[in-house]
N, C-alpha and C. Protein backbone atom coordinates (compact mmCIF):
# COMPACT_ATOMS: atom_id res chain seq x y z
N MET A 1 70.37 126.20 114.10
CA MET A 1 70.97 126.90 112.97
C MET A 1 72.12 126.10 112.39
N LYS A 2 72.97 125.53 113.28
CA LYS A 2 74.09 124.72 112.81
C LYS A 2 73.60 123.54 111.98
N LYS A 3 72.51 122.93 112.45
CA LYS A 3 71.96 121.76 111.76
C LYS A 3 71.50 122.13 110.35
N ILE A 4 70.90 123.29 110.22
CA ILE A 4 70.42 123.75 108.91
C ILE A 4 71.60 123.98 107.98
N VAL A 5 72.65 124.62 108.48
CA VAL A 5 73.84 124.87 107.66
C VAL A 5 74.46 123.55 107.22
N ILE A 6 74.59 122.60 108.16
CA ILE A 6 75.17 121.30 107.82
C ILE A 6 74.30 120.60 106.78
N LEU A 7 72.99 120.65 106.97
CA LEU A 7 72.07 120.03 106.02
C LEU A 7 72.20 120.65 104.63
N LEU A 8 72.29 121.98 104.58
CA LEU A 8 72.45 122.66 103.29
C LEU A 8 73.76 122.28 102.61
N VAL A 9 74.83 122.21 103.39
CA VAL A 9 76.13 121.82 102.84
C VAL A 9 76.05 120.40 102.27
N LEU A 10 75.42 119.50 103.01
CA LEU A 10 75.28 118.12 102.53
C LEU A 10 74.45 118.06 101.25
N ILE A 11 73.33 118.76 101.25
CA ILE A 11 72.45 118.76 100.07
C ILE A 11 73.19 119.33 98.86
N LEU A 12 73.86 120.46 99.05
CA LEU A 12 74.62 121.06 97.94
C LEU A 12 75.73 120.14 97.48
N GLY A 13 76.40 119.50 98.42
CA GLY A 13 77.47 118.57 98.06
C GLY A 13 76.96 117.41 97.24
N PHE A 14 75.83 116.83 97.67
CA PHE A 14 75.26 115.70 96.94
C PHE A 14 74.74 116.13 95.57
N SER A 15 74.09 117.30 95.51
CA SER A 15 73.57 117.74 94.22
C SER A 15 74.70 118.09 93.26
N THR A 16 75.79 118.65 93.78
CA THR A 16 76.95 118.96 92.94
C THR A 16 77.58 117.67 92.44
N ALA A 17 77.73 116.69 93.33
CA ALA A 17 78.30 115.40 92.92
C ALA A 17 77.41 114.75 91.88
N ARG A 18 76.10 114.80 92.08
CA ARG A 18 75.17 114.22 91.12
C ARG A 18 75.25 114.94 89.78
N ALA A 19 75.33 116.26 89.82
CA ALA A 19 75.45 117.04 88.58
C ALA A 19 76.73 116.67 87.85
N GLN A 20 77.82 116.50 88.60
CA GLN A 20 79.08 116.10 87.97
C GLN A 20 78.95 114.71 87.37
N ASP A 21 78.28 113.79 88.09
CA ASP A 21 78.06 112.44 87.57
C ASP A 21 77.24 112.50 86.28
N ASP A 22 76.17 113.31 86.29
CA ASP A 22 75.33 113.45 85.11
C ASP A 22 76.12 114.05 83.95
N LYS A 23 76.93 115.05 84.26
CA LYS A 23 77.76 115.70 83.24
C LYS A 23 78.75 114.69 82.64
N GLU A 24 79.38 113.92 83.51
CA GLU A 24 80.34 112.91 83.06
C GLU A 24 79.64 111.82 82.24
N ARG A 25 78.45 111.41 82.69
CA ARG A 25 77.68 110.40 81.97
C ARG A 25 77.34 110.90 80.56
N GLU A 26 76.94 112.16 80.46
CA GLU A 26 76.61 112.75 79.15
C GLU A 26 77.85 112.84 78.26
N ARG A 27 78.99 113.18 78.86
CA ARG A 27 80.24 113.26 78.09
C ARG A 27 80.60 111.88 77.54
N ILE A 28 80.48 110.86 78.38
CA ILE A 28 80.79 109.49 77.95
C ILE A 28 79.82 109.05 76.87
N LYS A 29 78.54 109.39 77.04
CA LYS A 29 77.54 109.03 76.03
C LYS A 29 77.87 109.68 74.69
N SER A 30 78.29 110.93 74.72
CA SER A 30 78.66 111.63 73.48
C SER A 30 79.86 110.97 72.80
N LEU A 31 80.85 110.61 73.61
CA LEU A 31 82.03 109.93 73.06
C LEU A 31 81.66 108.58 72.46
N LYS A 32 80.80 107.85 73.15
CA LYS A 32 80.37 106.54 72.67
C LYS A 32 79.58 106.67 71.37
N THR A 33 78.70 107.66 71.32
CA THR A 33 77.90 107.90 70.12
C THR A 33 78.82 108.20 68.93
N ALA A 34 79.78 109.07 69.14
CA ALA A 34 80.71 109.43 68.06
C ALA A 34 81.53 108.21 67.64
N PHE A 35 82.00 107.44 68.62
CA PHE A 35 82.83 106.26 68.34
C PHE A 35 82.05 105.24 67.50
N ILE A 36 80.84 104.91 67.93
CA ILE A 36 80.03 103.91 67.22
C ILE A 36 79.64 104.43 65.84
N THR A 37 79.22 105.69 65.76
CA THR A 37 78.83 106.28 64.48
C THR A 37 79.99 106.22 63.49
N GLN A 38 81.17 106.58 63.96
CA GLN A 38 82.35 106.59 63.09
C GLN A 38 82.75 105.17 62.69
N GLU A 39 82.83 104.27 63.65
CA GLU A 39 83.31 102.92 63.37
C GLU A 39 82.34 102.12 62.50
N LEU A 40 81.03 102.34 62.68
CA LEU A 40 80.04 101.66 61.83
C LEU A 40 79.77 102.42 60.54
N LYS A 41 80.37 103.62 60.44
CA LYS A 41 80.17 104.48 59.26
C LYS A 41 78.68 104.68 58.98
N LEU A 42 77.96 105.11 60.03
CA LEU A 42 76.52 105.27 59.91
C LEU A 42 76.17 106.50 59.08
N SER A 43 75.31 106.30 58.11
CA SER A 43 74.78 107.44 57.35
C SER A 43 73.76 108.14 58.25
N ASN A 44 73.39 109.36 57.87
CA ASN A 44 72.38 110.09 58.65
C ASN A 44 71.07 109.32 58.71
N LYS A 45 70.70 108.73 57.58
CA LYS A 45 69.43 107.99 57.50
C LYS A 45 69.44 106.79 58.45
N VAL A 46 70.52 106.03 58.44
CA VAL A 46 70.63 104.85 59.31
C VAL A 46 70.74 105.29 60.77
N ALA A 47 71.51 106.34 61.03
CA ALA A 47 71.68 106.83 62.40
C ALA A 47 70.33 107.26 62.99
N GLN A 48 69.48 107.88 62.18
CA GLN A 48 68.17 108.32 62.66
C GLN A 48 67.29 107.14 63.06
N LYS A 49 67.50 105.99 62.43
CA LYS A 49 66.74 104.79 62.81
C LYS A 49 67.39 104.09 64.00
N PHE A 50 68.72 104.05 63.99
CA PHE A 50 69.46 103.27 64.98
C PHE A 50 69.45 103.87 66.38
N TRP A 51 69.78 105.16 66.51
CA TRP A 51 69.98 105.74 67.84
C TRP A 51 68.75 105.70 68.74
N PRO A 52 67.55 105.91 68.23
CA PRO A 52 66.39 105.77 69.13
C PRO A 52 66.25 104.34 69.68
N ILE A 53 66.51 103.34 68.85
CA ILE A 53 66.45 101.94 69.30
C ILE A 53 67.53 101.70 70.35
N TYR A 54 68.73 102.16 70.05
CA TYR A 54 69.86 101.95 70.96
C TYR A 54 69.63 102.65 72.30
N ASP A 55 69.19 103.91 72.24
CA ASP A 55 68.98 104.68 73.47
C ASP A 55 67.89 104.06 74.35
N LYS A 56 66.82 103.59 73.72
CA LYS A 56 65.73 102.95 74.47
C LYS A 56 66.24 101.66 75.13
N TYR A 57 67.02 100.89 74.40
CA TYR A 57 67.60 99.65 74.93
C TYR A 57 68.52 99.96 76.11
N GLU A 58 69.39 100.93 75.95
CA GLU A 58 70.33 101.29 77.02
C GLU A 58 69.60 101.76 78.28
N GLU A 59 68.54 102.53 78.11
CA GLU A 59 67.78 103.01 79.26
C GLU A 59 67.12 101.84 80.00
N LYS A 60 66.55 100.92 79.26
CA LYS A 60 65.93 99.75 79.90
C LYS A 60 66.97 98.89 80.60
N ARG A 61 68.14 98.75 79.99
CA ARG A 61 69.22 97.99 80.65
C ARG A 61 69.65 98.68 81.94
N ARG A 62 69.73 100.00 81.93
CA ARG A 62 70.09 100.75 83.13
C ARG A 62 69.05 100.53 84.24
N GLU A 63 67.78 100.53 83.85
CA GLU A 63 66.71 100.29 84.83
C GLU A 63 66.86 98.91 85.46
N LEU A 64 67.12 97.90 84.62
CA LEU A 64 67.31 96.54 85.15
C LEU A 64 68.52 96.49 86.07
N TYR A 65 69.59 97.15 85.67
CA TYR A 65 70.81 97.18 86.48
C TYR A 65 70.52 97.80 87.85
N ARG A 66 69.79 98.92 87.84
CA ARG A 66 69.46 99.60 89.11
C ARG A 66 68.63 98.69 90.01
N ARG A 67 67.67 97.99 89.41
CA ARG A 67 66.84 97.08 90.21
C ARG A 67 67.68 95.97 90.83
N GLU A 68 68.59 95.42 90.04
CA GLU A 68 69.40 94.30 90.52
C GLU A 68 70.45 94.74 91.54
N HIS A 69 70.96 95.94 91.39
CA HIS A 69 72.07 96.38 92.23
C HIS A 69 71.66 97.44 93.26
N ARG A 70 70.39 97.49 93.55
CA ARG A 70 69.97 98.45 94.58
C ARG A 70 70.62 98.08 95.91
N GLU A 71 70.76 99.07 96.71
CA GLU A 71 71.46 98.87 97.98
C GLU A 71 70.61 98.02 98.92
N ILE A 72 71.22 96.97 99.44
CA ILE A 72 70.57 96.12 100.43
C ILE A 72 71.29 96.38 101.75
N ASN A 73 70.60 97.02 102.64
CA ASN A 73 71.21 97.38 103.93
C ASN A 73 71.26 96.16 104.84
N ASP A 74 72.40 95.97 105.43
CA ASP A 74 72.60 94.95 106.47
C ASP A 74 72.05 93.58 106.07
N VAL A 75 72.76 92.91 105.20
CA VAL A 75 72.37 91.61 104.67
C VAL A 75 72.12 90.60 105.79
N GLU A 76 72.87 90.70 106.89
CA GLU A 76 72.73 89.76 107.99
C GLU A 76 71.36 89.83 108.65
N CYS A 77 70.69 90.97 108.51
CA CYS A 77 69.38 91.15 109.16
C CYS A 77 68.20 90.76 108.27
N ILE A 78 68.48 90.36 107.03
CA ILE A 78 67.40 89.97 106.12
C ILE A 78 66.93 88.57 106.49
N SER A 79 65.62 88.40 106.53
CA SER A 79 65.08 87.07 106.84
C SER A 79 65.34 86.14 105.65
N GLU A 80 65.28 84.85 105.91
CA GLU A 80 65.47 83.85 104.85
C GLU A 80 64.40 84.02 103.77
N SER A 81 63.20 84.31 104.20
CA SER A 81 62.10 84.51 103.25
C SER A 81 62.37 85.70 102.33
N LYS A 82 62.81 86.81 102.92
CA LYS A 82 63.14 88.01 102.14
C LYS A 82 64.31 87.73 101.19
N ALA A 83 65.31 86.98 101.68
CA ALA A 83 66.46 86.63 100.84
C ALA A 83 66.00 85.79 99.65
N ASN A 84 65.10 84.85 99.87
CA ASN A 84 64.57 84.03 98.77
C ASN A 84 63.81 84.89 97.78
N ASP A 85 63.02 85.84 98.28
CA ASP A 85 62.31 86.77 97.39
C ASP A 85 63.29 87.56 96.53
N LEU A 86 64.38 88.01 97.13
CA LEU A 86 65.40 88.76 96.38
C LEU A 86 66.03 87.89 95.30
N LEU A 87 66.32 86.63 95.64
CA LEU A 87 66.90 85.71 94.65
C LEU A 87 65.95 85.51 93.48
N LEU A 88 64.67 85.33 93.77
CA LEU A 88 63.67 85.18 92.71
C LEU A 88 63.61 86.44 91.84
N GLU A 89 63.71 87.59 92.49
CA GLU A 89 63.71 88.85 91.74
C GLU A 89 64.94 88.96 90.84
N PHE A 90 66.10 88.53 91.33
CA PHE A 90 67.32 88.55 90.51
C PHE A 90 67.14 87.68 89.27
N VAL A 91 66.55 86.50 89.45
CA VAL A 91 66.31 85.60 88.31
C VAL A 91 65.34 86.25 87.33
N GLU A 92 64.30 86.89 87.86
CA GLU A 92 63.32 87.57 87.01
C GLU A 92 63.98 88.70 86.21
N ILE A 93 64.86 89.43 86.85
CA ILE A 93 65.58 90.51 86.16
C ILE A 93 66.44 89.94 85.04
N GLU A 94 67.10 88.81 85.29
CA GLU A 94 67.91 88.16 84.24
C GLU A 94 67.03 87.74 83.07
N LYS A 95 65.84 87.22 83.35
CA LYS A 95 64.91 86.84 82.28
C LYS A 95 64.50 88.07 81.47
N GLU A 96 64.19 89.16 82.17
CA GLU A 96 63.81 90.39 81.49
C GLU A 96 64.95 90.91 80.62
N ASP A 97 66.17 90.80 81.13
CA ASP A 97 67.34 91.23 80.37
C ASP A 97 67.49 90.40 79.10
N TYR A 98 67.29 89.09 79.23
CA TYR A 98 67.38 88.19 78.07
C TYR A 98 66.33 88.57 77.02
N GLU A 99 65.09 88.78 77.47
CA GLU A 99 64.01 89.15 76.54
C GLU A 99 64.29 90.51 75.90
N LEU A 100 64.81 91.42 76.68
CA LEU A 100 65.15 92.75 76.17
C LEU A 100 66.21 92.64 75.08
N LYS A 101 67.23 91.83 75.33
CA LYS A 101 68.31 91.67 74.35
C LYS A 101 67.78 91.01 73.06
N LYS A 102 66.91 90.01 73.20
CA LYS A 102 66.31 89.38 72.02
C LYS A 102 65.56 90.40 71.18
N LYS A 103 64.74 91.22 71.84
CA LYS A 103 63.98 92.25 71.12
C LYS A 103 64.91 93.26 70.47
N TYR A 104 65.95 93.65 71.18
CA TYR A 104 66.93 94.60 70.66
C TYR A 104 67.56 94.07 69.38
N PHE A 105 68.01 92.82 69.40
CA PHE A 105 68.63 92.24 68.20
C PHE A 105 67.62 92.13 67.06
N THR A 106 66.39 91.79 67.38
CA THR A 106 65.34 91.72 66.35
C THR A 106 65.12 93.11 65.75
N ASP A 107 65.05 94.12 66.60
CA ASP A 107 64.87 95.50 66.11
C ASP A 107 66.06 95.94 65.25
N LEU A 108 67.26 95.58 65.69
CA LEU A 108 68.46 95.96 64.93
C LEU A 108 68.50 95.29 63.56
N LYS A 109 67.94 94.08 63.47
CA LYS A 109 67.95 93.37 62.18
C LYS A 109 67.13 94.08 61.12
N THR A 110 66.28 95.02 61.51
CA THR A 110 65.53 95.80 60.52
C THR A 110 66.42 96.89 59.91
N ILE A 111 67.58 97.12 60.53
CA ILE A 111 68.50 98.17 60.07
C ILE A 111 69.82 97.58 59.57
N PHE A 112 70.34 96.59 60.31
CA PHE A 112 71.68 96.04 60.05
C PHE A 112 71.62 94.56 59.72
N SER A 113 72.70 94.11 59.09
CA SER A 113 72.89 92.67 58.89
C SER A 113 73.35 92.06 60.21
N ALA A 114 73.29 90.75 60.31
CA ALA A 114 73.75 90.06 61.53
C ALA A 114 75.22 90.37 61.78
N GLN A 115 76.01 90.41 60.71
CA GLN A 115 77.44 90.73 60.84
C GLN A 115 77.66 92.12 61.43
N GLU A 116 76.87 93.08 60.98
CA GLU A 116 77.00 94.45 61.50
C GLU A 116 76.59 94.52 62.97
N ILE A 117 75.61 93.72 63.35
CA ILE A 117 75.18 93.69 64.76
C ILE A 117 76.29 93.12 65.63
N ILE A 118 76.96 92.08 65.14
CA ILE A 118 78.10 91.50 65.87
C ILE A 118 79.21 92.56 65.98
N LYS A 119 79.44 93.29 64.90
CA LYS A 119 80.46 94.34 64.93
C LYS A 119 80.09 95.41 65.97
N LEU A 120 78.82 95.79 66.02
CA LEU A 120 78.36 96.76 67.01
C LEU A 120 78.63 96.24 68.42
N HIS A 121 78.31 94.99 68.66
CA HIS A 121 78.54 94.38 69.98
C HIS A 121 80.02 94.45 70.35
N LYS A 122 80.88 94.13 69.39
CA LYS A 122 82.33 94.18 69.63
C LYS A 122 82.80 95.62 69.87
N LEU A 123 82.25 96.56 69.12
CA LEU A 123 82.61 97.97 69.30
C LEU A 123 82.25 98.46 70.70
N GLU A 124 81.10 98.02 71.19
CA GLU A 124 80.71 98.40 72.55
C GLU A 124 81.72 97.87 73.57
N GLU A 125 82.12 96.62 73.40
CA GLU A 125 83.13 96.04 74.30
C GLU A 125 84.44 96.82 74.20
N ASP A 126 84.86 97.14 72.98
CA ASP A 126 86.09 97.91 72.78
C ASP A 126 86.00 99.27 73.48
N PHE A 127 84.86 99.93 73.33
CA PHE A 127 84.68 101.24 73.95
C PHE A 127 84.78 101.13 75.47
N HIS A 128 84.14 100.13 76.03
CA HIS A 128 84.18 99.97 77.49
C HIS A 128 85.60 99.67 77.98
N ARG A 129 86.33 98.87 77.22
CA ARG A 129 87.74 98.59 77.58
C ARG A 129 88.56 99.87 77.56
N LYS A 130 88.38 100.68 76.51
CA LYS A 130 89.11 101.95 76.42
C LYS A 130 88.74 102.87 77.58
N LEU A 131 87.49 102.89 77.92
CA LEU A 131 87.02 103.72 79.01
C LEU A 131 87.66 103.30 80.33
N ILE A 132 87.72 102.02 80.57
CA ILE A 132 88.34 101.50 81.80
C ILE A 132 89.83 101.81 81.82
N ARG A 133 90.51 101.63 80.68
CA ARG A 133 91.94 101.96 80.61
C ARG A 133 92.17 103.43 80.91
N GLU A 134 91.34 104.28 80.33
CA GLU A 134 91.45 105.72 80.56
C GLU A 134 91.24 106.04 82.04
N TYR A 135 90.24 105.44 82.62
CA TYR A 135 89.96 105.67 84.05
C TYR A 135 91.14 105.25 84.91
N ARG A 136 91.68 104.07 84.63
CA ARG A 136 92.83 103.58 85.41
C ARG A 136 94.05 104.47 85.23
N ALA A 137 94.27 104.95 84.02
CA ALA A 137 95.40 105.85 83.76
C ALA A 137 95.24 107.15 84.56
N ARG A 138 94.02 107.68 84.58
CA ARG A 138 93.77 108.90 85.35
C ARG A 138 94.00 108.67 86.84
N GLN A 139 93.53 107.52 87.33
CA GLN A 139 93.72 107.19 88.74
C GLN A 139 95.21 107.09 89.07
N HIS A 140 95.96 106.47 88.17
CA HIS A 140 97.40 106.30 88.37
C HIS A 140 98.09 107.67 88.42
N LYS A 141 97.75 108.55 87.47
CA LYS A 141 98.35 109.89 87.44
C LYS A 141 98.00 110.66 88.71
N GLU A 142 96.77 110.52 89.15
CA GLU A 142 96.34 111.23 90.36
C GLU A 142 97.11 110.73 91.58
N ARG A 143 97.31 109.42 91.68
CA ARG A 143 98.09 108.87 92.79
C ARG A 143 99.53 109.37 92.75
N GLU A 144 100.11 109.43 91.54
CA GLU A 144 101.48 109.93 91.41
C GLU A 144 101.57 111.38 91.87
N ARG A 145 100.60 112.20 91.47
CA ARG A 145 100.59 113.61 91.88
C ARG A 145 100.45 113.73 93.40
N ASN A 146 99.60 112.92 93.98
CA ASN A 146 99.43 112.95 95.44
C ASN A 146 100.70 112.51 96.15
N ASN A 147 101.39 111.52 95.59
CA ASN A 147 102.65 111.06 96.18
C ASN A 147 103.72 112.14 96.10
N GLU A 148 103.76 112.87 94.97
CA GLU A 148 104.73 113.95 94.81
C GLU A 148 104.47 115.08 95.80
N LYS A 149 103.20 115.37 96.06
CA LYS A 149 102.85 116.42 97.01
C LYS A 149 103.26 116.05 98.42
N GLU A 150 103.17 114.76 98.75
CA GLU A 150 103.51 114.30 100.09
C GLU A 150 105.01 114.35 100.35
N GLU A 151 105.80 114.25 99.31
CA GLU A 151 107.26 114.22 99.47
C GLU A 151 107.86 115.54 99.74
């Protein structure tokens, strides 16, 4: 009985954490969408063409990222042959990422000028920097609150 209760608590904890992660991911996606739409001054017509291309690209990039950064348990126990296979897979993922980016830029050129695509690229970098700054500021505030509680 104890094992079942512990298992249920763990499952609920993980599903709650995952739900919070999904909720946070959706919130960030909404903020990013609003930021890019506003900064590029996208009309409804252009936005209807752009966002499906962008979302498809982002999903494929996420898939590549997951493949490359999957958890490798106990690296010391991997055989040399398996390690070489992993290295080849990493190179293959990089090639796929390159081809994906080329296709993405080609698709974007049907909607935007090259200058606008460069601006989009810069806006994405700006958004990520702001996101990181916000995260660090929150972490700092949380540490300060924890320090105040300890005193």
